[in-house]
Each structure stands twice: as C-alpha cells, then as structure tokens.
C-alpha cells in the first residue's frame, strides 16, 4: 500500500511543478505581447530588429529604448 501512496504523491507533485512552469511561460509571453501592443499603439513602425542610428535621428521622433528582462527558470 505504501507504493500506491508514493505514486499518487509523485503524480500530484509533477502536476503542480508542470503548472508552475506553464504559468511562468504564460507570464513571460503576456509581458512580451503587452510590450508589442504598447509599441504598436504608440505608432512605432519598427518594433523589433536593427535600424541605423542616423535614420532614427533624422526621423525627429523621441528615441526610446525597450529592455526585455525575461528569465525562465
């Protein structure tokens, strides 16, 4: 009978750990989507990738730097 109790406990532990990992991934994704929506709503034409500094300075718009701090354990 001890074996069935250990197995049930292991199943519950694995389920909880899996749920925790899924929640962390979902939270990180939600943060990235929120940043993207913010950039689009601010009418930024380029939301990702390289751009020459001279082109950014010529545009005359305010320059903003977005820092992504995503850590998935």
PDB file of N, CA and C in Angstrom:
ATOM      1  N   UNK A   1       0.814  -1.194   0.000  1.00  0.00           N
ATOM      2  CA  UNK A   1       0.000   0.000   0.000  1.00  0.00           C
ATOM      3  C   UNK A   1       0.855   1.255   0.000  1.00  0.00           C
ATOM      4  N   UNK A   2       2.040   1.161   0.497  1.00  0.00           N
ATOM      5  CA  UNK A   2       2.923   2.309   0.516  1.00  0.00           C
ATOM      6  C   UNK A   2       3.296   2.748  -0.900  1.00  0.00           C
ATOM      7  N   UNK A   3       3.379   1.757  -1.802  1.00  0.00           N
ATOM      8  CA  UNK A   3       3.770   2.075  -3.173  1.00  0.00           C
ATOM      9  C   UNK A   3       2.715   2.936  -3.883  1.00  0.00           C
ATOM     10  N   UNK A   4       1.446   2.628  -3.668  1.00  0.00           N
ATOM     11  CA  UNK A   4       0.400   3.403  -4.334  1.00  0.00           C
ATOM     12  C   UNK A   4       0.346   4.832  -3.777  1.00  0.00           C
ATOM     13  N   UNK A   5       0.595   4.998  -2.508  1.00  0.00           N
ATOM     14  CA  UNK A   5       0.621   6.332  -1.907  1.00  0.00           C
ATOM     15  C   UNK A   5       1.776   7.154  -2.453  1.00  0.00           C
ATOM     16  N   UNK A   6       2.935   6.520  -2.608  1.00  0.00           N
ATOM     17  CA  UNK A   6       4.090   7.219  -3.170  1.00  0.00           C
ATOM     18  C   UNK A   6       3.841   7.627  -4.619  1.00  0.00           C
ATOM     19  N   UNK A   7       3.211   6.759  -5.373  1.00  0.00           N
ATOM     20  CA  UNK A   7       2.924   7.063  -6.774  1.00  0.00           C
ATOM     21  C   UNK A   7       1.942   8.226  -6.882  1.00  0.00           C
ATOM     22  N   UNK A   8       0.924   8.220  -6.045  1.00  0.00           N
ATOM     23  CA  UNK A   8      -0.063   9.304  -6.073  1.00  0.00           C
ATOM     24  C   UNK A   8       0.588  10.628  -5.685  1.00  0.00           C
ATOM     25  N   UNK A   9       1.453  10.575  -4.694  1.00  0.00           N
ATOM     26  CA  UNK A   9       2.148  11.785  -4.272  1.00  0.00           C
ATOM     27  C   UNK A   9       3.053  12.321  -5.391  1.00  0.00           C
ATOM     28  N   UNK A  10       3.726  11.440  -6.096  1.00  0.00           N
ATOM     29  CA  UNK A  10       4.593  11.843  -7.193  1.00  0.00           C
ATOM     30  C   UNK A  10       3.791  12.455  -8.347  1.00  0.00           C
ATOM     31  N   UNK A  11       2.625  11.886  -8.635  1.00  0.00           N
ATOM     32  CA  UNK A  11       1.771  12.431  -9.689  1.00  0.00           C
ATOM     33  C   UNK A  11       1.320  13.844  -9.328  1.00  0.00           C
ATOM     34  N   UNK A  12       0.914  14.045  -8.095  1.00  0.00           N
ATOM     35  CA  UNK A  12       0.460  15.368  -7.650  1.00  0.00           C
ATOM     36  C   UNK A  12       1.614  16.364  -7.719  1.00  0.00           C
ATOM     37  N   UNK A  13       2.810  15.965  -7.270  1.00  0.00           N
ATOM     38  CA  UNK A  13       3.967  16.852  -7.293  1.00  0.00           C
ATOM     39  C   UNK A  13       4.335  17.239  -8.725  1.00  0.00           C
ATOM     40  N   UNK A  14       4.329  16.273  -9.631  1.00  0.00           N
ATOM     41  CA  UNK A  14       4.664  16.552 -11.029  1.00  0.00           C
ATOM     42  C   UNK A  14       3.630  17.482 -11.665  1.00  0.00           C
ATOM     43  N   UNK A  15       2.366  17.290 -11.314  1.00  0.00           N
ATOM     44  CA  UNK A  15       1.305  18.151 -11.850  1.00  0.00           C
ATOM     45  C   UNK A  15       1.485  19.589 -11.376  1.00  0.00           C
ATOM     46  N   UNK A  16       1.789  19.763 -10.106  1.00  0.00           N
ATOM     47  CA  UNK A  16       1.984  21.110  -9.568  1.00  0.00           C
ATOM     48  C   UNK A  16       3.210  21.784 -10.182  1.00  0.00           C
ATOM     49  N   UNK A  17       4.298  21.050 -10.359  1.00  0.00           N
ATOM     50  CA  UNK A  17       5.501  21.621 -10.962  1.00  0.00           C
ATOM     51  C   UNK A  17       5.249  21.986 -12.424  1.00  0.00           C
ATOM     52  N   UNK A  18       4.521  21.150 -13.142  1.00  0.00           N
ATOM     53  CA  UNK A  18       4.178  21.441 -14.531  1.00  0.00           C
ATOM     54  C   UNK A  18       3.314  22.675 -14.653  1.00  0.00           C
ATOM     55  N   UNK A  19       2.372  22.828 -13.739  1.00  0.00           N
ATOM     56  CA  UNK A  19       1.505  24.007 -13.729  1.00  0.00           C
ATOM     57  C   UNK A  19       2.314  25.270 -13.446  1.00  0.00           C
ATOM     58  N   UNK A  20       3.281  25.171 -12.541  1.00  0.00           N
ATOM     59  CA  UNK A  20       4.130  26.316 -12.215  1.00  0.00           C
ATOM     60  C   UNK A  20       4.959  26.745 -13.426  1.00  0.00           C
ATOM     61  N   UNK A  21       5.528  25.796 -14.143  1.00  0.00           N
ATOM     62  CA  UNK A  21       6.320  26.113 -15.343  1.00  0.00           C
ATOM     63  C   UNK A  21       5.434  26.744 -16.414  1.00  0.00           C
ATOM     64  N   UNK A  22       4.244  26.201 -16.601  1.00  0.00           N
ATOM     65  CA  UNK A  22       3.316  26.758 -17.596  1.00  0.00           C
ATOM     66  C   UNK A  22       2.926  28.193 -17.231  1.00  0.00           C
ATOM     67  N   UNK A  23       2.726  28.460 -15.964  1.00  0.00           N
ATOM     68  CA  UNK A  23       2.363  29.813 -15.524  1.00  0.00           C
ATOM     69  C   UNK A  23       3.503  30.795 -15.784  1.00  0.00           C
ATOM     70  N   UNK A  24       4.742  30.369 -15.549  1.00  0.00           N
ATOM     71  CA  UNK A  24       5.891  31.247 -15.801  1.00  0.00           C
ATOM     72  C   UNK A  24       6.019  31.565 -17.281  1.00  0.00           C
ATOM     73  N   UNK A  25       5.842  30.567 -18.130  1.00  0.00           N
ATOM     74  CA  UNK A  25       5.938  30.780 -19.576  1.00  0.00           C
ATOM     75  C   UNK A  25       4.821  31.699 -20.046  1.00  0.00           C
ATOM     76  N   UNK A  26       3.621  31.481 -19.534  1.00  0.00           N
ATOM     77  CA  UNK A  26       2.484  32.320 -19.912  1.00  0.00           C
ATOM     78  C   UNK A  26       2.704  33.764 -19.481  1.00  0.00           C
ATOM     79  N   UNK A  27       3.240  33.960 -18.288  1.00  0.00           N
ATOM     80  CA  UNK A  27       3.516  35.310 -17.797  1.00  0.00           C
ATOM     81  C   UNK A  27       4.552  36.022 -18.652  1.00  0.00           C
ATOM     82  N   UNK A  28       5.601  35.307 -19.046  1.00  0.00           N
ATOM     83  CA  UNK A  28       6.641  35.906 -19.890  1.00  0.00           C
ATOM     84  C   UNK A  28       6.072  36.270 -21.260  1.00  0.00           C
ATOM     85  N   UNK A  29       5.238  35.399 -21.798  1.00  0.00           N
ATOM     86  CA  UNK A  29       4.621  35.678 -23.098  1.00  0.00           C
ATOM     87  C   UNK A  29       3.685  36.876 -23.008  1.00  0.00           C
ATOM     88  N   UNK A  30       2.927  36.950 -21.941  1.00  0.00           N
ATOM     89  CA  UNK A  30       2.000  38.071 -21.763  1.00  0.00           C
ATOM     90  C   UNK A  30       2.760  39.393 -21.682  1.00  0.00           C
ATOM     91  N   UNK A  31       3.915  39.379 -21.042  1.00  0.00           N
ATOM     92  CA  UNK A  31       4.720  40.592 -20.940  1.00  0.00           C
ATOM     93  C   UNK A  31       5.202  41.030 -22.316  1.00  0.00           C
ATOM     94  N   UNK A  32       5.662  40.092 -23.130  1.00  0.00           N
ATOM     95  CA  UNK A  32       6.133  40.424 -24.471  1.00  0.00           C
ATOM     96  C   UNK A  32       4.991  40.950 -25.342  1.00  0.00           C
ATOM     97  N   UNK A  33       3.835  40.338 -25.232  1.00  0.00           N
ATOM     98  CA  UNK A  33       2.675  40.792 -26.012  1.00  0.00           C
ATOM     99  C   UNK A  33       2.265  42.196 -25.575  1.00  0.00           C
ATOM    100  N   UNK A  34       2.314  42.464 -24.279  1.00  0.00           N
ATOM    101  CA  UNK A  34       1.965  43.793 -23.780  1.00  0.00           C
ATOM    102  C   UNK A  34       2.938  44.848 -24.318  1.00  0.00           C
ATOM    103  N   UNK A  35       4.236  44.526 -24.354  1.00  0.00           N
ATOM    104  CA  UNK A  35       5.215  45.460 -24.900  1.00  0.00           C
ATOM    105  C   UNK A  35       4.978  45.711 -26.387  1.00  0.00           C
ATOM    106  N   UNK A  36       4.636  44.665 -27.107  1.00  0.00           N
ATOM    107  CA  UNK A  36       4.373  44.808 -28.536  1.00  0.00           C
ATOM    108  C   UNK A  36       3.134  45.669 -28.780  1.00  0.00           C
ATOM    109  N   UNK A  37       2.081  45.428 -28.033  1.00  0.00           N
ATOM    110  CA  UNK A  37       0.855  46.220 -28.171  1.00  0.00           C
ATOM    111  C   UNK A  37       1.125  47.684 -27.821  1.00  0.00           C
ATOM    112  N   UNK A  38       1.914  47.910 -26.793  1.00  0.00           N
ATOM    113  CA  UNK A  38       2.267  49.278 -26.408  1.00  0.00           C
ATOM    114  C   UNK A  38       3.006  49.981 -27.540  1.00  0.00           C
ATOM    115  N   UNK A  39       3.957  49.286 -28.144  1.00  0.00           N
ATOM    116  CA  UNK A  39       4.726  49.877 -29.243  1.00  0.00           C
ATOM    117  C   UNK A  39       3.823  50.180 -30.438  1.00  0.00           C
ATOM    118  N   UNK A  40       2.905  49.281 -30.744  1.00  0.00           N
ATOM    119  CA  UNK A  40       2.001  49.490 -31.873  1.00  0.00           C
ATOM    120  C   UNK A  40       1.058  50.655 -31.595  1.00  0.00           C
ATOM    121  N   UNK A  41       0.548  50.740 -30.390  1.00  0.00           N
ATOM    122  CA  UNK A  41      -0.358  51.826 -30.048  1.00  0.00           C
ATOM    123  C   UNK A  41       0.344  53.179 -30.057  1.00  0.00           C
ATOM    124  N   UNK A  42       1.629  53.193 -29.785  1.00  0.00           N
ATOM    125  CA  UNK A  42       2.400  54.428 -29.836  1.00  0.00           C
ATOM    126  C   UNK A  42       2.791  54.772 -31.263  1.00  0.00           C
ATOM    127  N   UNK A  43       2.318  53.983 -32.211  1.00  0.00           N
ATOM    128  CA  UNK A  43       2.533  54.216 -33.640  1.00  0.00           C
ATOM    129  C   UNK A  43       4.006  54.144 -34.022  1.00  0.00           C
ATOM    130  N   UNK A  44       4.672  53.162 -33.488  1.00  0.00           N
ATOM    131  CA  UNK A  44       6.053  52.920 -33.878  1.00  0.00           C
ATOM    132  C   UNK A  44       6.039  51.962 -35.048  1.00  0.00           C
ATOM    133  N   UNK A  45       6.719  52.335 -36.105  1.00  0.00           N
ATOM    134  CA  UNK A  45       6.698  51.497 -37.296  1.00  0.00           C
ATOM    135  C   UNK A  45       7.569  50.267 -37.150  1.00  0.00           C
ATOM    136  N   UNK A  46       8.654  50.383 -36.427  1.00  0.00           N
ATOM    137  CA  UNK A  46       9.554  49.246 -36.266  1.00  0.00           C
ATOM    138  C   UNK A  46       9.537  48.825 -34.804  1.00  0.00           C
ATOM    139  N   UNK A  47       9.124  47.593 -34.544  1.00  0.00           N
ATOM    140  CA  UNK A  47       9.016  47.125 -33.169  1.00  0.00           C
ATOM    141  C   UNK A  47      10.136  46.167 -32.792  1.00  0.00           C
ATOM    142  N   UNK A  48      10.914  45.713 -33.774  1.00  0.00           N
ATOM    143  CA  UNK A  48      11.967  44.764 -33.472  1.00  0.00           C
ATOM    144  C   UNK A  48      12.997  44.796 -34.586  1.00  0.00           C
ATOM    145  N   UNK A  49      14.247  44.564 -34.252  1.00  0.00           N
ATOM    146  CA  UNK A  49      15.279  44.447 -35.269  1.00  0.00           C
ATOM    147  C   UNK A  49      16.217  45.631 -35.285  1.00  0.00           C
ATOM    148  N   UNK A  50      17.100  45.640 -36.274  1.00  0.00           N
ATOM    149  CA  UNK A  50      18.127  46.668 -36.379  1.00  0.00           C
ATOM    150  C   UNK A  50      17.624  47.861 -37.185  1.00  0.00           C
ATOM    151  N   UNK A  51      18.147  49.018 -36.828  1.00  0.00           N
ATOM    152  CA  UNK A  51      17.854  50.240 -37.566  1.00  0.00           C
ATOM    153  C   UNK A  51      19.065  51.143 -37.413  1.00  0.00           C
ATOM    154  N   UNK A  52      19.427  51.844 -38.442  1.00  0.00           N
ATOM    155  CA  UNK A  52      20.585  52.729 -38.364  1.00  0.00           C
ATOM    156  C   UNK A  52      20.286  53.922 -37.464  1.00  0.00           C
ATOM    157  N   UNK A  53      21.284  54.296 -36.687  1.00  0.00           N
ATOM    158  CA  UNK A  53      21.123  55.417 -35.767  1.00  0.00           C
ATOM    159  C   UNK A  53      20.855  56.711 -36.524  1.00  0.00           C
ATOM    160  N   UNK A  54      21.487  56.883 -37.669  1.00  0.00           N
ATOM    161  CA  UNK A  54      21.269  58.110 -38.439  1.00  0.00           C
ATOM    162  C   UNK A  54      19.816  58.224 -38.890  1.00  0.00           C
ATOM    163  N   UNK A  55      19.206  57.106 -39.280  1.00  0.00           N
ATOM    164  CA  UNK A  55      17.795  57.131 -39.680  1.00  0.00           C
ATOM    165  C   UNK A  55      16.894  57.485 -38.500  1.00  0.00           C
ATOM    166  N   UNK A  56      17.230  56.958 -37.330  1.00  0.00           N
ATOM    167  CA  UNK A  56      16.423  57.270 -36.148  1.00  0.00           C
ATOM    168  C   UNK A  56      16.549  58.748 -35.790  1.00  0.00           C
ATOM    169  N   UNK A  57      17.751  59.303 -35.901  1.00  0.00           N
ATOM    170  CA  UNK A  57      17.944  60.714 -35.565  1.00  0.00           C
ATOM    171  C   UNK A  57      17.274  61.626 -36.585  1.00  0.00           C
ATOM    172  N   UNK A  58      17.270  61.246 -37.849  1.00  0.00           N
ATOM    173  CA  UNK A  58      16.633  62.048 -38.893  1.00  0.00           C
ATOM    174  C   UNK A  58      15.120  62.098 -38.749  1.00  0.00           C
ATOM    175  N   UNK A  59      14.544  61.040 -38.178  1.00  0.00           N
ATOM    176  CA  UNK A  59      13.086  60.991 -38.067  1.00  0.00           C
ATOM    177  C   UNK A  59      12.549  62.105 -37.174  1.00  0.00           C
ATOM    178  N   UNK A  60      13.365  62.570 -36.234  1.00  0.00           N
ATOM    179  CA  UNK A  60      12.948  63.666 -35.366  1.00  0.00           C
ATOM    180  C   UNK A  60      12.071  63.221 -34.201  1.00  0.00           C
ATOM    181  N   UNK A  61      11.745  61.933 -34.151  1.00  0.00           N
ATOM    182  CA  UNK A  61      10.905  61.441 -33.056  1.00  0.00           C
ATOM    183  C   UNK A  61      11.758  61.164 -31.821  1.00  0.00           C
ATOM    184  N   UNK A  62      11.088  61.122 -30.689  1.00  0.00           N
ATOM    185  CA  UNK A  62      11.768  60.812 -29.442  1.00  0.00           C
ATOM    186  C   UNK A  62      12.246  59.365 -29.482  1.00  0.00           C
ATOM    187  N   UNK A  63      13.480  59.130 -29.061  1.00  0.00           N
ATOM    188  CA  UNK A  63      14.034  57.782 -29.053  1.00  0.00           C
ATOM    189  C   UNK A  63      13.772  57.134 -27.708  1.00  0.00           C
ATOM    190  N   UNK A  64      13.289  55.898 -27.758  1.00  0.00           N
ATOM    191  CA  UNK A  64      13.030  55.125 -26.547  1.00  0.00           C
ATOM    192  C   UNK A  64      13.723  53.788 -26.668  1.00  0.00           C
ATOM    193  N   UNK A  65      14.241  53.310 -25.558  1.00  0.00           N
ATOM    194  CA  UNK A  65      14.911  52.015 -25.526  1.00  0.00           C
ATOM    195  C   UNK A  65      14.056  51.070 -24.695  1.00  0.00           C
ATOM    196  N   UNK A  66      13.706  49.936 -25.275  1.00  0.00           N
ATOM    197  CA  UNK A  66      12.934  48.921 -24.566  1.00  0.00           C
ATOM    198  C   UNK A  66      13.880  47.816 -24.142  1.00  0.00           C
ATOM    199  N   UNK A  67      13.858  47.494 -22.869  1.00  0.00           N
ATOM    200  CA  UNK A  67      14.715  46.438 -22.354  1.00  0.00           C
ATOM    201  C   UNK A  67      13.823  45.274 -21.944  1.00  0.00           C
ATOM    202  N   UNK A  68      14.148  44.116 -22.467  1.00  0.00           N
ATOM    203  CA  UNK A  68      13.395  42.919 -22.122  1.00  0.00           C
ATOM    204  C   UNK A  68      14.153  42.150 -21.058  1.00  0.00           C
ATOM    205  N   UNK A  69      13.486  41.906 -19.954  1.00  0.00           N
ATOM    206  CA  UNK A  69      14.136  41.182 -18.864  1.00  0.00           C
ATOM    207  C   UNK A  69      13.353  39.909 -18.580  1.00  0.00           C
ATOM    208  N   UNK A  70      13.460  38.977 -19.480  1.00  0.00           N
ATOM    209  CA  UNK A  70      12.736  37.726 -19.319  1.00  0.00           C
ATOM    210  C   UNK A  70      13.688  36.662 -18.813  1.00  0.00           C
ATOM    211  N   UNK A  71      13.271  36.019 -17.759  1.00  0.00           N
ATOM    212  CA  UNK A  71      14.037  34.891 -17.241  1.00  0.00           C
ATOM    213  C   UNK A  71      13.076  33.745 -17.014  1.00  0.00           C
ATOM    214  N   UNK A  72      13.339  32.652 -17.681  1.00  0.00           N
ATOM    215  CA  UNK A  72      12.546  31.454 -17.462  1.00  0.00           C
ATOM    216  C   UNK A  72      13.440  30.450 -16.761  1.00  0.00           C
ATOM    217  N   UNK A  73      13.042  30.066 -15.614  1.00  0.00           N
ATOM    218  CA  UNK A  73      13.864  29.137 -14.827  1.00  0.00           C
ATOM    219  C   UNK A  73      13.611  27.739 -15.219  1.00  0.00           C
TER     220      UNK A  73
END
